[in-house]
Amino acid sequence: MRTLTAVAHRGDPYRVRENTLPSLRSALDQGADAVEIDVRLTRDGVPVLLHDATLKRLWGHDRPLSALCAQEVRGLTAGGVPTLADALAASGGPAGGRVMVDLPGADARTVRTVVGTVRECGAEERVYYCAGARAMLLVRAADPAAEIALTWTTLAPPRPALLAAVRPRWLNYRFPLLDRELTARVHRDGCLVSAWTPDTRRAMRRLLAAGVDSITTNRVDVLTALRGPGRSGKV
């Protein structure tokens, strides 16, 4: 029976603030196989969990993360923004899951630091990376063995030269683009198919019927209930 990987988008944001340790733990408690996190660097080069470039939306401070050192971030958020090392520790253990690291706006320094942190934490076997082509080329250069989910936002297939350079295991599509035909084409080309971020039962059912291999959602509890027993798997 085909397995489906349920990926919790930024943790469990309908219950707990996204990209926080309680949110990651809640997602794993809801049955997630993996948690997706967004990682950026502070001014002093510490990788922390934050999707946006500033603290405004989540934490009420209109301050760019790149202008703040890690200690300042801790003070402004009462310790709510975890480091990548803390997130890897919190998502590990017997009841833990895999971690999909998204790298919004990443440059070479960010990628080297993040890949180095994953290595130092001994988490290479359970971490994989997602973002667009530029960031994933940097990941491939930093870690030739890294597992990559190349985010792709058009129906046109990636160029063969790009696939050869990135060597993705997954193609990661916006969910409205996916249907049976596209999923079958990607499978024929040797990649697994990941979809992001459907939050309704109707959209999830459509993707399950299309044969995707992974779904990243803000409602991982809904997804794990829909896929049913015997269809889960940490691919």
Foldseek 3Di string as FASTA:
>chain_A
DAAAAEEAEQAQVVVDPGQFLVRNVVRLVLPHQEYEFEWDAALVGFIWTDDDQACCPPQNDRGGRNDGHPVVVCVSRVNGIGTPLVNVVSQDDPSHHAYEYEYPPDDLSNLLSVVVSCVVSVNQVRYAYEDALVSLLSNCVNPVPGAYAHEDEDLDDDDPVSCVRNVHQEHEYALVVAALVSQVVVVVVRHAYEYDEDEDPVSLVRVVVSPHRYYYYSCSSSNDVVVDPPRHDRD
